[in-house]
Amino acid sequence: METKKINNITSLVGLSVKLERVKRNWSQEELAFQSKLSKTSIGSIERGLSVPSVETVEKIANAFGMSFFEFIDVMKIYNK
């Protein structure tokens, strides 16, 4: 059961990253540049293939002009 919960959280993070990126009309390359992460990392996160660290989520949130906690609030909205 724990694995399922992690996968759901991982999928939610990935979906939220993708929707926020698309909302800004950014490519994965642009988000990678703005967050100082690799395009491969962004793609893996968006597809739910990798579990991003808190620090990685914070870098992505900051790239979107949000704090970590603001991004968590956005994830809550996308989870409804």
PDB file of N, CA and C in Angstrom:
ATOM      1  N   MET A   1       0.820  -1.195   0.000  1.00  0.00           N
ATOM      2  CA  MET A   1       0.000   0.000   0.000  1.00  0.00           C
ATOM      3  C   MET A   1       0.862   1.256   0.000  1.00  0.00           C
ATOM      4  N   GLU A   2       1.968   1.239   0.695  1.00  0.00           N
ATOM      5  CA  GLU A   2       2.836   2.400   0.744  1.00  0.00           C
ATOM      6  C   GLU A   2       3.361   2.756  -0.647  1.00  0.00           C
ATOM      7  N   THR A   3       3.719   1.760  -1.444  1.00  0.00           N
ATOM      8  CA  THR A   3       4.218   2.012  -2.795  1.00  0.00           C
ATOM      9  C   THR A   3       3.168   2.715  -3.639  1.00  0.00           C
ATOM     10  N   LYS A   4       1.902   2.296  -3.524  1.00  0.00           N
ATOM     11  CA  LYS A   4       0.827   2.924  -4.281  1.00  0.00           C
ATOM     12  C   LYS A   4       0.706   4.402  -3.922  1.00  0.00           C
ATOM     13  N   LYS A   5       0.782   4.723  -2.641  1.00  0.00           N
ATOM     14  CA  LYS A   5       0.684   6.107  -2.193  1.00  0.00           C
ATOM     15  C   LYS A   5       1.823   6.939  -2.779  1.00  0.00           C
ATOM     16  N   ILE A   6       3.014   6.431  -2.767  1.00  0.00           N
ATOM     17  CA  ILE A   6       4.156   7.148  -3.333  1.00  0.00           C
ATOM     18  C   ILE A   6       3.946   7.381  -4.824  1.00  0.00           C
ATOM     19  N   ASN A   7       3.484   6.367  -5.542  1.00  0.00           N
ATOM     20  CA  ASN A   7       3.237   6.537  -6.964  1.00  0.00           C
ATOM     21  C   ASN A   7       2.192   7.604  -7.224  1.00  0.00           C
ATOM     22  N   ASN A   8       1.138   7.650  -6.414  1.00  0.00           N
ATOM     23  CA  ASN A   8       0.123   8.684  -6.591  1.00  0.00           C
ATOM     24  C   ASN A   8       0.703  10.072  -6.343  1.00  0.00           C
ATOM     25  N   ILE A   9       1.490  10.204  -5.314  1.00  0.00           N
ATOM     26  CA  ILE A   9       2.125  11.489  -5.028  1.00  0.00           C
ATOM     27  C   ILE A   9       3.083  11.850  -6.150  1.00  0.00           C
ATOM     28  N   THR A  10       3.853  10.887  -6.608  1.00  0.00           N
ATOM     29  CA  THR A  10       4.785  11.118  -7.695  1.00  0.00           C
ATOM     30  C   THR A  10       4.048  11.556  -8.950  1.00  0.00           C
ATOM     31  N   SER A  11       2.942  10.895  -9.243  1.00  0.00           N
ATOM     32  CA  SER A  11       2.142  11.264 -10.417  1.00  0.00           C
ATOM     33  C   SER A  11       1.552  12.656 -10.265  1.00  0.00           C
ATOM     34  N   LEU A  12       1.099  12.989  -9.071  1.00  0.00           N
ATOM     35  CA  LEU A  12       0.521  14.309  -8.828  1.00  0.00           C
ATOM     36  C   LEU A  12       1.574  15.412  -8.988  1.00  0.00           C
ATOM     37  N   VAL A  13       2.764  15.182  -8.473  1.00  0.00           N
ATOM     38  CA  VAL A  13       3.844  16.158  -8.647  1.00  0.00           C
ATOM     39  C   VAL A  13       4.122  16.336 -10.136  1.00  0.00           C
ATOM     40  N   GLY A  14       4.252  15.226 -10.851  1.00  0.00           N
ATOM     41  CA  GLY A  14       4.540  15.289 -12.280  1.00  0.00           C
ATOM     42  C   GLY A  14       3.459  16.011 -13.056  1.00  0.00           C
ATOM     43  N   LEU A  15       2.206  15.694 -12.776  1.00  0.00           N
ATOM     44  CA  LEU A  15       1.094  16.350 -13.455  1.00  0.00           C
ATOM     45  C   LEU A  15       1.078  17.844 -13.152  1.00  0.00           C
ATOM     46  N   SER A  16       1.310  18.200 -11.919  1.00  0.00           N
ATOM     47  CA  SER A  16       1.309  19.614 -11.528  1.00  0.00           C
ATOM     48  C   SER A  16       2.428  20.379 -12.215  1.00  0.00           C
ATOM     49  N   VAL A  17       3.604  19.780 -12.288  1.00  0.00           N
ATOM     50  CA  VAL A  17       4.723  20.418 -12.986  1.00  0.00           C
ATOM     51  C   VAL A  17       4.352  20.628 -14.452  1.00  0.00           C
ATOM     52  N   LYS A  18       3.828  19.588 -15.082  1.00  0.00           N
ATOM     53  CA  LYS A  18       3.491  19.694 -16.504  1.00  0.00           C
ATOM     54  C   LYS A  18       2.415  20.751 -16.746  1.00  0.00           C
ATOM     55  N   LEU A  19       1.351  20.742 -15.941  1.00  0.00           N
ATOM     56  CA  LEU A  19       0.271  21.705 -16.155  1.00  0.00           C
ATOM     57  C   LEU A  19       0.736  23.139 -15.929  1.00  0.00           C
ATOM     58  N   GLU A  20       1.550  23.356 -14.914  1.00  0.00           N
ATOM     59  CA  GLU A  20       2.083  24.701 -14.682  1.00  0.00           C
ATOM     60  C   GLU A  20       3.011  25.125 -15.820  1.00  0.00           C
ATOM     61  N   ARG A  21       3.798  24.188 -16.316  1.00  0.00           N
ATOM     62  CA  ARG A  21       4.710  24.498 -17.424  1.00  0.00           C
ATOM     63  C   ARG A  21       3.917  24.862 -18.676  1.00  0.00           C
ATOM     64  N   VAL A  22       2.917  24.056 -18.999  1.00  0.00           N
ATOM     65  CA  VAL A  22       2.105  24.294 -20.195  1.00  0.00           C
ATOM     66  C   VAL A  22       1.324  25.597 -20.049  1.00  0.00           C
ATOM     67  N   LYS A  23       0.830  25.880 -18.855  1.00  0.00           N
ATOM     68  CA  LYS A  23       0.100  27.127 -18.596  1.00  0.00           C
ATOM     69  C   LYS A  23       0.949  28.344 -18.962  1.00  0.00           C
ATOM     70  N   ARG A  24       2.250  28.214 -18.755  1.00  0.00           N
ATOM     71  CA  ARG A  24       3.178  29.312 -19.071  1.00  0.00           C
ATOM     72  C   ARG A  24       3.688  29.253 -20.512  1.00  0.00           C
ATOM     73  N   ASN A  25       3.240  28.223 -21.231  1.00  0.00           N
ATOM     74  CA  ASN A  25       3.684  28.017 -22.616  1.00  0.00           C
ATOM     75  C   ASN A  25       5.205  27.807 -22.687  1.00  0.00           C
ATOM     76  N   TRP A  26       5.727  27.104 -21.687  1.00  0.00           N
ATOM     77  CA  TRP A  26       7.153  26.793 -21.635  1.00  0.00           C
ATOM     78  C   TRP A  26       7.389  25.381 -22.163  1.00  0.00           C
ATOM     79  N   SER A  27       8.499  25.196 -22.821  1.00  0.00           N
ATOM     80  CA  SER A  27       8.947  23.850 -23.182  1.00  0.00           C
ATOM     81  C   SER A  27       9.627  23.233 -21.958  1.00  0.00           C
ATOM     82  N   GLN A  28       9.872  21.934 -22.047  1.00  0.00           N
ATOM     83  CA  GLN A  28      10.642  21.295 -20.981  1.00  0.00           C
ATOM     84  C   GLN A  28      12.029  21.904 -20.899  1.00  0.00           C
ATOM     85  N   GLU A  29      12.575  22.277 -22.040  1.00  0.00           N
ATOM     86  CA  GLU A  29      13.904  22.900 -22.067  1.00  0.00           C
ATOM     87  C   GLU A  29      13.906  24.215 -21.290  1.00  0.00           C
ATOM     88  N   GLU A  30      12.847  25.017 -21.477  1.00  0.00           N
ATOM     89  CA  GLU A  30      12.773  26.299 -20.769  1.00  0.00           C
ATOM     90  C   GLU A  30      12.665  26.084 -19.265  1.00  0.00           C
ATOM     91  N   LEU A  31      11.823  25.160 -18.842  1.00  0.00           N
ATOM     92  CA  LEU A  31      11.713  24.875 -17.412  1.00  0.00           C
ATOM     93  C   LEU A  31      13.037  24.355 -16.862  1.00  0.00           C
ATOM     94  N   ALA A  32      13.699  23.500 -17.627  1.00  0.00           N
ATOM     95  CA  ALA A  32      15.000  22.991 -17.197  1.00  0.00           C
ATOM     96  C   ALA A  32      15.986  24.145 -17.004  1.00  0.00           C
ATOM     97  N   PHE A  33      16.003  25.060 -17.957  1.00  0.00           N
ATOM     98  CA  PHE A  33      16.900  26.211 -17.863  1.00  0.00           C
ATOM     99  C   PHE A  33      16.557  27.069 -16.645  1.00  0.00           C
ATOM    100  N   GLN A  34      15.278  27.385 -16.475  1.00  0.00           N
ATOM    101  CA  GLN A  34      14.854  28.261 -15.386  1.00  0.00           C
ATOM    102  C   GLN A  34      15.085  27.633 -14.006  1.00  0.00           C
ATOM    103  N   SER A  35      14.968  26.309 -13.933  1.00  0.00           N
ATOM    104  CA  SER A  35      15.121  25.619 -12.641  1.00  0.00           C
ATOM    105  C   SER A  35      16.536  25.091 -12.399  1.00  0.00           C
ATOM    106  N   LYS A  36      17.388  25.209 -13.423  1.00  0.00           N
ATOM    107  CA  LYS A  36      18.760  24.695 -13.343  1.00  0.00           C
ATOM    108  C   LYS A  36      18.786  23.177 -13.155  1.00  0.00           C
ATOM    109  N   LEU A  37      17.812  22.505 -13.812  1.00  0.00           N
ATOM    110  CA  LEU A  37      17.750  21.047 -13.839  1.00  0.00           C
ATOM    111  C   LEU A  37      17.912  20.599 -15.284  1.00  0.00           C
ATOM    112  N   SER A  38      18.085  19.318 -15.499  1.00  0.00           N
ATOM    113  CA  SER A  38      18.209  18.827 -16.870  1.00  0.00           C
ATOM    114  C   SER A  38      16.836  18.594 -17.485  1.00  0.00           C
ATOM    115  N   LYS A  39      16.771  18.658 -18.793  1.00  0.00           N
ATOM    116  CA  LYS A  39      15.532  18.372 -19.512  1.00  0.00           C
ATOM    117  C   LYS A  39      15.093  16.936 -19.232  1.00  0.00           C
ATOM    118  N   THR A  40      16.050  16.028 -19.138  1.00  0.00           N
ATOM    119  CA  THR A  40      15.753  14.627 -18.827  1.00  0.00           C
ATOM    120  C   THR A  40      15.074  14.513 -17.461  1.00  0.00           C
ATOM    121  N   SER A  41      15.565  15.256 -16.488  1.00  0.00           N
ATOM    122  CA  SER A  41      14.958  15.242 -15.149  1.00  0.00           C
ATOM    123  C   SER A  41      13.528  15.760 -15.193  1.00  0.00           C
ATOM    124  N   ILE A  42      13.311  16.848 -15.905  1.00  0.00           N
ATOM    125  CA  ILE A  42      11.967  17.423 -16.015  1.00  0.00           C
ATOM    126  C   ILE A  42      11.030  16.407 -16.662  1.00  0.00           C
ATOM    127  N   GLY A  43      11.459  15.786 -17.740  1.00  0.00           N
ATOM    128  CA  GLY A  43      10.632  14.789 -18.422  1.00  0.00           C
ATOM    129  C   GLY A  43      10.307  13.605 -17.525  1.00  0.00           C
ATOM    130  N   SER A  44      11.289  13.125 -16.785  1.00  0.00           N
ATOM    131  CA  SER A  44      11.064  11.989 -15.876  1.00  0.00           C
ATOM    132  C   SER A  44      10.095  12.343 -14.756  1.00  0.00           C
ATOM    133  N   ILE A  45      10.215  13.558 -14.245  1.00  0.00           N
ATOM    134  CA  ILE A  45       9.310  14.010 -13.188  1.00  0.00           C
ATOM    135  C   ILE A  45       7.891  14.117 -13.745  1.00  0.00           C
ATOM    136  N   GLU A  46       7.752  14.741 -14.906  1.00  0.00           N
ATOM    137  CA  GLU A  46       6.423  14.927 -15.488  1.00  0.00           C
ATOM    138  C   GLU A  46       5.740  13.589 -15.790  1.00  0.00           C
ATOM    139  N   ARG A  47       6.498  12.604 -16.187  1.00  0.00           N
ATOM    140  CA  ARG A  47       5.926  11.292 -16.507  1.00  0.00           C
ATOM    141  C   ARG A  47       5.760  10.413 -15.262  1.00  0.00           C
ATOM    142  N   GLY A  48       6.178  10.906 -14.109  1.00  0.00           N
ATOM    143  CA  GLY A  48       6.048  10.138 -12.879  1.00  0.00           C
ATOM    144  C   GLY A  48       7.025   8.991 -12.782  1.00  0.00           C
ATOM    145  N   LEU A  49       8.130   9.097 -13.504  1.00  0.00           N
ATOM    146  CA  LEU A  49       9.134   8.028 -13.497  1.00  0.00           C
ATOM    147  C   LEU A  49      10.189   8.213 -12.432  1.00  0.00           C
ATOM    148  N   SER A  50      10.297   9.429 -11.916  1.00  0.00           N
ATOM    149  CA  SER A  50      11.267   9.667 -10.846  1.00  0.00           C
ATOM    150  C   SER A  50      10.593  10.434  -9.723  1.00  0.00           C
ATOM    151  N   VAL A  51      11.076  10.196  -8.529  1.00  0.00           N
ATOM    152  CA  VAL A  51      10.559  10.862  -7.334  1.00  0.00           C
ATOM    153  C   VAL A  51      11.481  12.040  -7.043  1.00  0.00           C
ATOM    154  N   PRO A  52      10.994  13.264  -7.270  1.00  0.00           N
ATOM    155  CA  PRO A  52      11.878  14.417  -7.046  1.00  0.00           C
ATOM    156  C   PRO A  52      12.067  14.686  -5.551  1.00  0.00           C
ATOM    157  N   SER A  53      13.239  15.138  -5.211  1.00  0.00           N
ATOM    158  CA  SER A  53      13.505  15.522  -3.821  1.00  0.00           C
ATOM    159  C   SER A  53      12.769  16.824  -3.515  1.00  0.00           C
ATOM    160  N   VAL A  54      12.699  17.141  -2.250  1.00  0.00           N
ATOM    161  CA  VAL A  54      12.090  18.410  -1.833  1.00  0.00           C
ATOM    162  C   VAL A  54      12.862  19.566  -2.456  1.00  0.00           C
ATOM    163  N   GLU A  55      14.166  19.452  -2.503  1.00  0.00           N
ATOM    164  CA  GLU A  55      14.996  20.509  -3.083  1.00  0.00           C
ATOM    165  C   GLU A  55      14.691  20.689  -4.567  1.00  0.00           C
ATOM    166  N   THR A  56      14.459  19.589  -5.276  1.00  0.00           N
ATOM    167  CA  THR A  56      14.136  19.664  -6.696  1.00  0.00           C
ATOM    168  C   THR A  56      12.773  20.316  -6.904  1.00  0.00           C
ATOM    169  N   VAL A  57      11.800  19.939  -6.092  1.00  0.00           N
ATOM    170  CA  VAL A  57      10.470  20.566  -6.192  1.00  0.00           C
ATOM    171  C   VAL A  57      10.582  22.062  -5.905  1.00  0.00           C
ATOM    172  N   GLU A  58      11.406  22.419  -4.946  1.00  0.00           N
ATOM    173  CA  GLU A  58      11.599  23.833  -4.631  1.00  0.00           C
ATOM    174  C   GLU A  58      12.227  24.580  -5.809  1.00  0.00           C
ATOM    175  N   LYS A  59      13.193  23.976  -6.482  1.00  0.00           N
ATOM    176  CA  LYS A  59      13.801  24.609  -7.658  1.00  0.00           C
ATOM    177  C   LYS A  59      12.763  24.834  -8.753  1.00  0.00           C
ATOM    178  N   ILE A  60      11.904  23.856  -8.960  1.00  0.00           N
ATOM    179  CA  ILE A  60      10.859  23.974  -9.980  1.00  0.00           C
ATOM    180  C   ILE A  60       9.859  25.049  -9.572  1.00  0.00           C
ATOM    181  N   ALA A  61       9.438  25.028  -8.313  1.00  0.00           N
ATOM    182  CA  ALA A  61       8.508  26.045  -7.818  1.00  0.00           C
ATOM    183  C   ALA A  61       9.091  27.437  -7.991  1.00  0.00           C
ATOM    184  N   ASN A  62      10.344  27.606  -7.626  1.00  0.00           N
ATOM    185  CA  ASN A  62      11.004  28.910  -7.764  1.00  0.00           C
ATOM    186  C   ASN A  62      11.079  29.343  -9.223  1.00  0.00           C
ATOM    187  N   ALA A  63      11.306  28.402 -10.121  1.00  0.00           N
ATOM    188  CA  ALA A  63      11.330  28.722 -11.544  1.00  0.00           C
ATOM    189  C   ALA A  63       9.973  29.264 -11.993  1.00  0.00           C
ATOM    190  N   PHE A  64       8.895  28.771 -11.385  1.00  0.00           N
ATOM    191  CA  PHE A  64       7.551  29.243 -11.682  1.00  0.00           C
ATOM    192  C   PHE A  64       7.205  30.535 -10.930  1.00  0.00           C
ATOM    193  N   GLY A  65       8.134  31.014 -10.116  1.00  0.00           N
ATOM    194  CA  GLY A  65       7.890  32.226  -9.341  1.00  0.00           C
ATOM    195  C   GLY A  65       7.072  31.970  -8.095  1.00  0.00           C
ATOM    196  N   MET A  66       7.138  30.734  -7.604  1.00  0.00           N
ATOM    197  CA  MET A  66       6.382  30.340  -6.416  1.00  0.00           C
ATOM    198  C   MET A  66       7.336  29.856  -5.336  1.00  0.00           C
ATOM    199  N   SER A  67       6.832  29.885  -4.113  1.00  0.00           N
ATOM    200  CA  SER A  67       7.555  29.215  -3.034  1.00  0.00           C
ATOM    201  C   SER A  67       7.192  27.729  -3.075  1.00  0.00           C
ATOM    202  N   PHE A  68       7.909  26.938  -2.333  1.00  0.00           N
ATOM    203  CA  PHE A  68       7.611  25.508  -2.229  1.00  0.00           C
ATOM    204  C   PHE A  68       6.170  25.313  -1.771  1.00  0.00           C
ATOM    205  N   PHE A  69       5.758  26.079  -0.769  1.00  0.00           N
ATOM    206  CA  PHE A  69       4.423  25.916  -0.200  1.00  0.00           C
ATOM    207  C   PHE A  69       3.330  26.387  -1.156  1.00  0.00           C
ATOM    208  N   GLU A  70       3.609  27.409  -1.934  1.00  0.00           N
ATOM    209  CA  GLU A  70       2.640  27.829  -2.955  1.00  0.00           C
ATOM    210  C   GLU A  70       2.456  26.731  -3.995  1.00  0.00           C
ATOM    211  N   PHE A  71       3.542  26.071  -4.357  1.00  0.00           N
ATOM    212  CA  PHE A  71       3.435  24.976  -5.327  1.00  0.00           C
ATOM    213  C   PHE A  71       2.636  23.816  -4.741  1.00  0.00           C
ATOM    214  N   ILE A  72       2.804  23.533  -3.458  1.00  0.00           N
ATOM    215  CA  ILE A  72       2.016  22.489  -2.801  1.00  0.00           C
ATOM    216  C   ILE A  72       0.532  22.842  -2.877  1.00  0.00           C
ATOM    217  N   ASP A  73       0.204  24.121  -2.687  1.00  0.00           N
ATOM    218  CA  ASP A  73      -1.187  24.557  -2.804  1.00  0.00           C
ATOM    219  C   ASP A  73      -1.711  24.344  -4.223  1.00  0.00           C
ATOM    220  N   VAL A  74      -0.883  24.592  -5.223  1.00  0.00           N
ATOM    221  CA  VAL A  74      -1.272  24.348  -6.619  1.00  0.00           C
ATOM    222  C   VAL A  74      -1.534  22.859  -6.826  1.00  0.00           C
ATOM    223  N   MET A  75      -0.689  22.018  -6.238  1.00  0.00           N
ATOM    224  CA  MET A  75      -0.891  20.580  -6.362  1.00  0.00           C
ATOM    225  C   MET A  75      -2.236  20.168  -5.770  1.00  0.00           C
ATOM    226  N   LYS A  76      -2.618  20.795  -4.667  1.00  0.00           N
ATOM    227  CA  LYS A  76      -3.927  20.492  -4.050  1.00  0.00           C
ATOM    228  C   LYS A  76      -5.059  20.814  -5.022  1.00  0.00           C
ATOM    229  N   ILE A  77      -4.924  21.919  -5.735  1.00  0.00           N
ATOM    230  CA  ILE A  77      -5.948  22.312  -6.710  1.00  0.00           C
ATOM    231  C   ILE A  77      -6.036  21.281  -7.822  1.00  0.00           C
ATOM    232  N   TYR A  78      -4.903  20.836  -8.348  1.00  0.00           N
ATOM    233  CA  TYR A  78      -4.889  19.861  -9.439  1.00  0.00           C
ATOM    234  C   TYR A  78      -5.347  18.474  -8.972  1.00  0.00           C
ATOM    235  N   ASN A  79      -5.332  18.243  -7.666  1.00  0.00           N
ATOM    236  CA  ASN A  79      -5.720  16.933  -7.141  1.00  0.00           C
ATOM    237  C   ASN A  79      -7.226  16.810  -6.917  1.00  0.00           C
ATOM    238  N   LYS A  80      -7.973  17.861  -7.158  1.00  0.00           N
ATOM    239  CA  LYS A  80      -9.434  17.813  -6.940  1.00  0.00           C
ATOM    240  C   LYS A  80     -10.140  17.143  -8.088  1.00  0.00           C
TER     241      LYS A  80
END
